[in-house]
Amino acid sequence: MMTSFTRIIVVLSILRQALGLQTTPSNQILVGLAMFLSFYIMSPVLNEINDTALQPYMDNKITSKVAFERAQIPMHKFMREQTRPDDISAFMEYAGEKPTTIENVPLKVLIPAFMVSELKTAFQMGFMLFLPFLVIDLVVASILMAMGMMMLSPMIVSLPFKIMLFVLVDGWGLIMGTLVSSFGIGS
């Protein structure tokens, strides 16, 4: 919940629904894709945690408490950069906290603000993904109604067109690129 995984899996799930596919790709594939993309996005943070906290702890140079405190710093920075200021302000108000700077926001405030912000971003991205597929569904349904084919499901007819559109525009590449760039990687 403190990584990029939430945004990625929600966007991929909405994409599957937008395409009109119930089980393709399967949940295992979506979760696997989201996990590996999360590892890619989170690798700078994980490397910093490894260098500043885990390796010194494993070498008995620092205590577990110090390692935990050091590991929080890169995670705090990542979540802070991905969280909307309005969400942080709202959760600071809910918790009755008044930190002097954004760097001093406690994790008990930052984590729920980050999660809400990630869900909001994921649903915004999902909405933008859904629109072109919705247009295809509406056009197909209108054509079928105009032809008097009311018993034929528009979903059956529109599915191949949605898949064809997705493949022709290199949908997977666009989705992965958009997700990665939404975290400020490669920009």
C-alpha atoms as a PDB file:
ATOM      1  CA  MET A   1       0.000   0.000   0.000  1.00  0.00           C
ATOM      2  CA  MET A   2       3.006   2.312   0.342  1.00  0.00           C
ATOM      3  CA  THR A   3       4.227   1.625  -3.199  1.00  0.00           C
ATOM      4  CA  SER A   4       3.079   2.199  -6.765  1.00  0.00           C
ATOM      5  CA  PHE A   5       1.188  -1.126  -6.785  1.00  0.00           C
ATOM      6  CA  THR A   6      -2.236   0.290  -5.882  1.00  0.00           C
ATOM      7  CA  ARG A   7      -2.384   2.754  -8.760  1.00  0.00           C
ATOM      8  CA  ILE A   8      -1.139   0.190 -11.262  1.00  0.00           C
ATOM      9  CA  ILE A   9      -3.513  -2.640 -10.318  1.00  0.00           C
ATOM     10  CA  VAL A  10      -6.566  -0.343 -10.238  1.00  0.00           C
ATOM     11  CA  VAL A  11      -5.745   1.081 -13.688  1.00  0.00           C
ATOM     12  CA  LEU A  12      -5.189  -2.407 -15.122  1.00  0.00           C
ATOM     13  CA  SER A  13      -8.458  -3.659 -13.613  1.00  0.00           C
ATOM     14  CA  ILE A  14     -10.392  -0.725 -15.061  1.00  0.00           C
ATOM     15  CA  LEU A  15      -8.726  -1.345 -18.421  1.00  0.00           C
ATOM     16  CA  ARG A  16      -9.917  -4.956 -18.391  1.00  0.00           C
ATOM     17  CA  GLN A  17     -13.457  -3.811 -17.645  1.00  0.00           C
ATOM     18  CA  ALA A  18     -13.292  -1.126 -20.345  1.00  0.00           C
ATOM     19  CA  LEU A  19     -12.287  -3.708 -22.909  1.00  0.00           C
ATOM     20  CA  GLY A  20     -15.289  -5.781 -21.863  1.00  0.00           C
ATOM     21  CA  LEU A  21     -13.189  -8.775 -20.882  1.00  0.00           C
ATOM     22  CA  GLN A  22     -14.212 -10.448 -17.656  1.00  0.00           C
ATOM     23  CA  THR A  23     -11.257 -12.751 -17.045  1.00  0.00           C
ATOM     24  CA  THR A  24      -8.683 -11.942 -19.724  1.00  0.00           C
ATOM     25  CA  PRO A  25      -5.996 -11.187 -18.781  1.00  0.00           C
ATOM     26  CA  SER A  26      -6.469 -13.200 -15.616  1.00  0.00           C
ATOM     27  CA  ASN A  27      -6.055 -11.751 -12.140  1.00  0.00           C
ATOM     28  CA  GLN A  28      -2.716 -13.567 -11.762  1.00  0.00           C
ATOM     29  CA  ILE A  29      -1.377 -11.885 -14.886  1.00  0.00           C
ATOM     30  CA  LEU A  30      -2.619  -8.444 -13.834  1.00  0.00           C
ATOM     31  CA  VAL A  31      -1.170  -8.815 -10.333  1.00  0.00           C
ATOM     32  CA  GLY A  32       2.124 -10.136 -11.737  1.00  0.00           C
ATOM     33  CA  LEU A  33       2.359  -7.266 -14.203  1.00  0.00           C
ATOM     34  CA  ALA A  34       1.528  -4.764 -11.460  1.00  0.00           C
ATOM     35  CA  MET A  35       4.136  -6.321  -9.147  1.00  0.00           C
ATOM     36  CA  PHE A  36       6.958  -6.237 -11.668  1.00  0.00           C
ATOM     37  CA  LEU A  37       6.082  -2.735 -12.819  1.00  0.00           C
ATOM     38  CA  SER A  38       6.019  -1.697  -9.145  1.00  0.00           C
ATOM     39  CA  PHE A  39       9.485  -3.199  -8.640  1.00  0.00           C
ATOM     40  CA  TYR A  40      10.686  -1.198 -11.652  1.00  0.00           C
ATOM     41  CA  ILE A  41       9.157   2.051 -10.381  1.00  0.00           C
ATOM     42  CA  MET A  42      10.209   1.498  -6.775  1.00  0.00           C
ATOM     43  CA  SER A  43      13.777   0.318  -7.541  1.00  0.00           C
ATOM     44  CA  PRO A  44      15.431   3.690  -6.787  1.00  0.00           C
ATOM     45  CA  VAL A  45      13.649   3.793  -3.412  1.00  0.00           C
ATOM     46  CA  LEU A  46      14.429   0.147  -2.648  1.00  0.00           C
ATOM     47  CA  ASN A  47      18.092   0.630  -3.619  1.00  0.00           C
ATOM     48  CA  GLU A  48      18.368   3.623  -1.291  1.00  0.00           C
ATOM     49  CA  ILE A  49      16.791   1.639   1.555  1.00  0.00           C
ATOM     50  CA  ASN A  50      19.213  -1.207   0.874  1.00  0.00           C
ATOM     51  CA  ASP A  51      22.253   1.103   0.818  1.00  0.00           C
ATOM     52  CA  THR A  52      21.383   3.296   3.800  1.00  0.00           C
ATOM     53  CA  ALA A  53      19.491   0.936   6.101  1.00  0.00           C
ATOM     54  CA  LEU A  54      19.571  -2.763   5.243  1.00  0.00           C
ATOM     55  CA  GLN A  55      23.247  -3.304   4.389  1.00  0.00           C
ATOM     56  CA  PRO A  56      24.577  -1.330   7.397  1.00  0.00           C
ATOM     57  CA  TYR A  57      22.173  -3.317   9.608  1.00  0.00           C
ATOM     58  CA  MET A  58      23.260  -6.635   8.081  1.00  0.00           C
ATOM     59  CA  ASP A  59      26.906  -5.638   8.680  1.00  0.00           C
ATOM     60  CA  ASN A  60      26.054  -4.897  12.343  1.00  0.00           C
ATOM     61  CA  LYS A  61      27.014  -1.231  11.896  1.00  0.00           C
ATOM     62  CA  ILE A  62      23.635   0.089  13.063  1.00  0.00           C
ATOM     63  CA  THR A  63      20.810  -1.126  15.264  1.00  0.00           C
ATOM     64  CA  SER A  64      17.430  -2.275  13.999  1.00  0.00           C
ATOM     65  CA  LYS A  65      15.831   0.920  15.305  1.00  0.00           C
ATOM     66  CA  VAL A  66      18.272   3.098  13.347  1.00  0.00           C
ATOM     67  CA  ALA A  67      17.798   0.913  10.245  1.00  0.00           C
ATOM     68  CA  PHE A  68      14.031   1.308  10.516  1.00  0.00           C
ATOM     69  CA  GLU A  69      14.347   5.082  10.868  1.00  0.00           C
ATOM     70  CA  ARG A  70      16.688   5.267   7.870  1.00  0.00           C
ATOM     71  CA  ALA A  71      14.399   3.070   5.762  1.00  0.00           C
ATOM     72  CA  GLN A  72      11.481   5.410   6.433  1.00  0.00           C
ATOM     73  CA  ILE A  73      13.231   8.392   4.824  1.00  0.00           C
ATOM     74  CA  PRO A  74      13.154   7.224   1.161  1.00  0.00           C
ATOM     75  CA  MET A  75       9.637   5.785   1.553  1.00  0.00           C
ATOM     76  CA  HIS A  76       8.440   9.046   3.118  1.00  0.00           C
ATOM     77  CA  LYS A  77       9.987  11.016   0.245  1.00  0.00           C
ATOM     78  CA  PHE A  78       8.383   8.761  -2.408  1.00  0.00           C
ATOM     79  CA  MET A  79       4.934   8.961  -0.821  1.00  0.00           C
ATOM     80  CA  ARG A  80       5.238  12.713  -0.253  1.00  0.00           C
ATOM     81  CA  GLU A  81       6.064  13.303  -3.915  1.00  0.00           C
ATOM     82  CA  GLN A  82       3.087  11.223  -5.083  1.00  0.00           C
ATOM     83  CA  THR A  83       0.483  12.598  -2.660  1.00  0.00           C
ATOM     84  CA  ARG A  84      -1.725  15.561  -3.398  1.00  0.00           C
ATOM     85  CA  PRO A  85      -1.231  18.452  -0.951  1.00  0.00           C
ATOM     86  CA  ASP A  86      -5.005  18.613  -0.389  1.00  0.00           C
ATOM     87  CA  ASP A  87      -5.042  14.995   0.779  1.00  0.00           C
ATOM     88  CA  ILE A  88      -2.134  15.608   3.152  1.00  0.00           C
ATOM     89  CA  SER A  89      -3.877  18.713   4.541  1.00  0.00           C
ATOM     90  CA  ALA A  90      -7.127  16.824   5.041  1.00  0.00           C
ATOM     91  CA  PHE A  91      -5.484  13.966   6.929  1.00  0.00           C
ATOM     92  CA  MET A  92      -3.395  16.391   9.009  1.00  0.00           C
ATOM     93  CA  GLU A  93      -6.651  18.048  10.021  1.00  0.00           C
ATOM     94  CA  TYR A  94      -8.294  14.684  10.791  1.00  0.00           C
ATOM     95  CA  ALA A  95      -5.327  13.700  12.982  1.00  0.00           C
ATOM     96  CA  GLY A  96      -5.004  17.104  14.618  1.00  0.00           C
ATOM     97  CA  GLU A  97      -1.390  17.377  13.453  1.00  0.00           C
ATOM     98  CA  LYS A  98       0.338  20.664  12.690  1.00  0.00           C
ATOM     99  CA  PRO A  99       3.772  19.863  11.216  1.00  0.00           C
ATOM    100  CA  THR A 100       5.935  22.841  10.317  1.00  0.00           C
ATOM    101  CA  THR A 101       7.123  21.455   6.967  1.00  0.00           C
ATOM    102  CA  ILE A 102       5.976  18.774   4.543  1.00  0.00           C
ATOM    103  CA  GLU A 103       9.063  16.724   5.464  1.00  0.00           C
ATOM    104  CA  ASN A 104       7.808  16.558   9.073  1.00  0.00           C
ATOM    105  CA  VAL A 105       4.423  15.016   8.226  1.00  0.00           C
ATOM    106  CA  PRO A 106       4.177  11.831  10.323  1.00  0.00           C
ATOM    107  CA  LEU A 107       3.679   8.498   8.570  1.00  0.00           C
ATOM    108  CA  LYS A 108       0.339   8.004  10.345  1.00  0.00           C
ATOM    109  CA  VAL A 109      -0.901  10.987   8.298  1.00  0.00           C
ATOM    110  CA  LEU A 110       1.100  10.448   5.114  1.00  0.00           C
ATOM    111  CA  ILE A 111       0.186   6.791   4.510  1.00  0.00           C
ATOM    112  CA  PRO A 112      -3.618   7.214   4.391  1.00  0.00           C
ATOM    113  CA  ALA A 113      -3.229  10.473   2.416  1.00  0.00           C
ATOM    114  CA  PHE A 114      -0.992   8.638  -0.058  1.00  0.00           C
ATOM    115  CA  MET A 115      -3.468   5.764  -0.395  1.00  0.00           C
ATOM    116  CA  VAL A 116      -6.410   8.092  -1.047  1.00  0.00           C
ATOM    117  CA  SER A 117      -4.336  10.110  -3.492  1.00  0.00           C
ATOM    118  CA  GLU A 118      -3.283   6.943  -5.340  1.00  0.00           C
ATOM    119  CA  LEU A 119      -6.891   5.776  -5.630  1.00  0.00           C
ATOM    120  CA  LYS A 120      -7.957   9.171  -6.934  1.00  0.00           C
ATOM    121  CA  THR A 121      -5.169   9.211  -9.527  1.00  0.00           C
ATOM    122  CA  ALA A 122      -5.914   5.617 -10.557  1.00  0.00           C
ATOM    123  CA  PHE A 123      -9.611   6.342 -11.063  1.00  0.00           C
ATOM    124  CA  GLN A 124      -8.806   9.472 -13.077  1.00  0.00           C
ATOM    125  CA  MET A 125      -6.478   7.463 -15.312  1.00  0.00           C
ATOM    126  CA  GLY A 126      -9.056   4.678 -15.555  1.00  0.00           C
ATOM    127  CA  PHE A 127     -11.762   7.133 -16.579  1.00  0.00           C
ATOM    128  CA  MET A 128      -9.599   8.439 -19.403  1.00  0.00           C
ATOM    129  CA  LEU A 129      -8.923   4.868 -20.523  1.00  0.00           C
ATOM    130  CA  PHE A 130     -12.598   3.956 -20.402  1.00  0.00           C
ATOM    131  CA  LEU A 131     -13.860   6.784 -22.647  1.00  0.00           C
ATOM    132  CA  PRO A 132     -12.715   5.522 -26.079  1.00  0.00           C
ATOM    133  CA  PHE A 133     -14.083   2.052 -25.362  1.00  0.00           C
ATOM    134  CA  LEU A 134     -17.379   3.527 -24.184  1.00  0.00           C
ATOM    135  CA  VAL A 135     -17.646   5.464 -27.448  1.00  0.00           C
ATOM    136  CA  ILE A 136     -17.140   2.246 -29.413  1.00  0.00           C
ATOM    137  CA  ASP A 137     -19.875   0.542 -27.349  1.00  0.00           C
ATOM    138  CA  LEU A 138     -22.277   3.451 -27.954  1.00  0.00           C
ATOM    139  CA  VAL A 139     -21.605   3.548 -31.710  1.00  0.00           C
ATOM    140  CA  VAL A 140     -22.070  -0.203 -32.088  1.00  0.00           C
ATOM    141  CA  ALA A 141     -25.260  -0.154 -29.988  1.00  0.00           C
ATOM    142  CA  SER A 142     -26.657   2.734 -32.067  1.00  0.00           C
ATOM    143  CA  ILE A 143     -25.873   0.988 -35.346  1.00  0.00           C
ATOM    144  CA  LEU A 144     -27.437  -2.253 -34.169  1.00  0.00           C
ATOM    145  CA  MET A 145     -30.585  -0.433 -33.019  1.00  0.00           C
ATOM    146  CA  ALA A 146     -30.795   1.426 -36.342  1.00  0.00           C
ATOM    147  CA  MET A 147     -30.549  -1.899 -38.174  1.00  0.00           C
ATOM    148  CA  GLY A 148     -33.305  -3.367 -36.006  1.00  0.00           C
ATOM    149  CA  MET A 149     -31.034  -5.955 -34.403  1.00  0.00           C
ATOM    150  CA  MET A 150     -32.277  -5.533 -30.858  1.00  0.00           C
ATOM    151  CA  MET A 151     -31.713  -9.142 -29.856  1.00  0.00           C
ATOM    152  CA  LEU A 152     -27.983  -9.075 -30.702  1.00  0.00           C
ATOM    153  CA  SER A 153     -25.830  -7.957 -27.778  1.00  0.00           C
ATOM    154  CA  PRO A 154     -23.780  -4.849 -28.618  1.00  0.00           C
ATOM    155  CA  MET A 155     -21.011  -6.169 -26.345  1.00  0.00           C
ATOM    156  CA  ILE A 156     -20.470  -9.202 -28.585  1.00  0.00           C
ATOM    157  CA  VAL A 157     -20.134  -7.022 -31.678  1.00  0.00           C
ATOM    158  CA  SER A 158     -18.037  -4.252 -30.104  1.00  0.00           C
ATOM    159  CA  LEU A 159     -15.511  -6.556 -28.380  1.00  0.00           C
ATOM    160  CA  PRO A 160     -13.464  -7.325 -31.517  1.00  0.00           C
ATOM    161  CA  PHE A 161     -13.400  -3.623 -32.443  1.00  0.00           C
ATOM    162  CA  LYS A 162     -12.189  -2.651 -28.956  1.00  0.00           C
ATOM    163  CA  ILE A 163      -9.470  -5.310 -29.005  1.00  0.00           C
ATOM    164  CA  MET A 164      -8.431  -4.280 -32.525  1.00  0.00           C
ATOM    165  CA  LEU A 165      -8.221  -0.617 -31.477  1.00  0.00           C
ATOM    166  CA  PHE A 166      -6.194  -1.520 -28.392  1.00  0.00           C
ATOM    167  CA  VAL A 167      -3.738  -3.619 -30.418  1.00  0.00           C
ATOM    168  CA  LEU A 168      -3.420  -1.083 -33.257  1.00  0.00           C
ATOM    169  CA  VAL A 169      -2.509   1.778 -30.935  1.00  0.00           C
ATOM    170  CA  ASP A 170      -0.064  -0.443 -28.982  1.00  0.00           C
ATOM    171  CA  GLY A 171      -2.279  -0.212 -25.915  1.00  0.00           C
ATOM    172  CA  TRP A 172      -0.029  -2.176 -23.575  1.00  0.00           C
ATOM    173  CA  GLY A 173       2.971  -0.024 -24.405  1.00  0.00           C
ATOM    174  CA  LEU A 174       0.965   3.162 -23.958  1.00  0.00           C
ATOM    175  CA  ILE A 175      -0.529   1.997 -20.653  1.00  0.00           C
ATOM    176  CA  MET A 176       2.819   0.915 -19.215  1.00  0.00           C
ATOM    177  CA  GLY A 177       4.512   4.115 -20.393  1.00  0.00           C
ATOM    178  CA  THR A 178       1.762   6.275 -18.947  1.00  0.00           C
ATOM    179  CA  LEU A 179       1.842   4.440 -15.623  1.00  0.00           C
ATOM    180  CA  VAL A 180       5.632   4.733 -15.342  1.00  0.00           C
ATOM    181  CA  SER A 181       5.644   8.408 -16.325  1.00  0.00           C
ATOM    182  CA  SER A 182       2.811   9.129 -13.874  1.00  0.00           C
ATOM    183  CA  PHE A 183       5.351   8.463 -11.113  1.00  0.00           C
ATOM    184  CA  GLY A 184       7.839  10.927 -12.606  1.00  0.00           C
ATOM    185  CA  ILE A 185      10.146   8.255 -14.012  1.00  0.00           C
ATOM    186  CA  GLY A 186      11.671   8.992 -17.401  1.00  0.00           C
ATOM    187  CA  SER A 187      10.454  12.570 -17.493  1.00  0.00           C
END
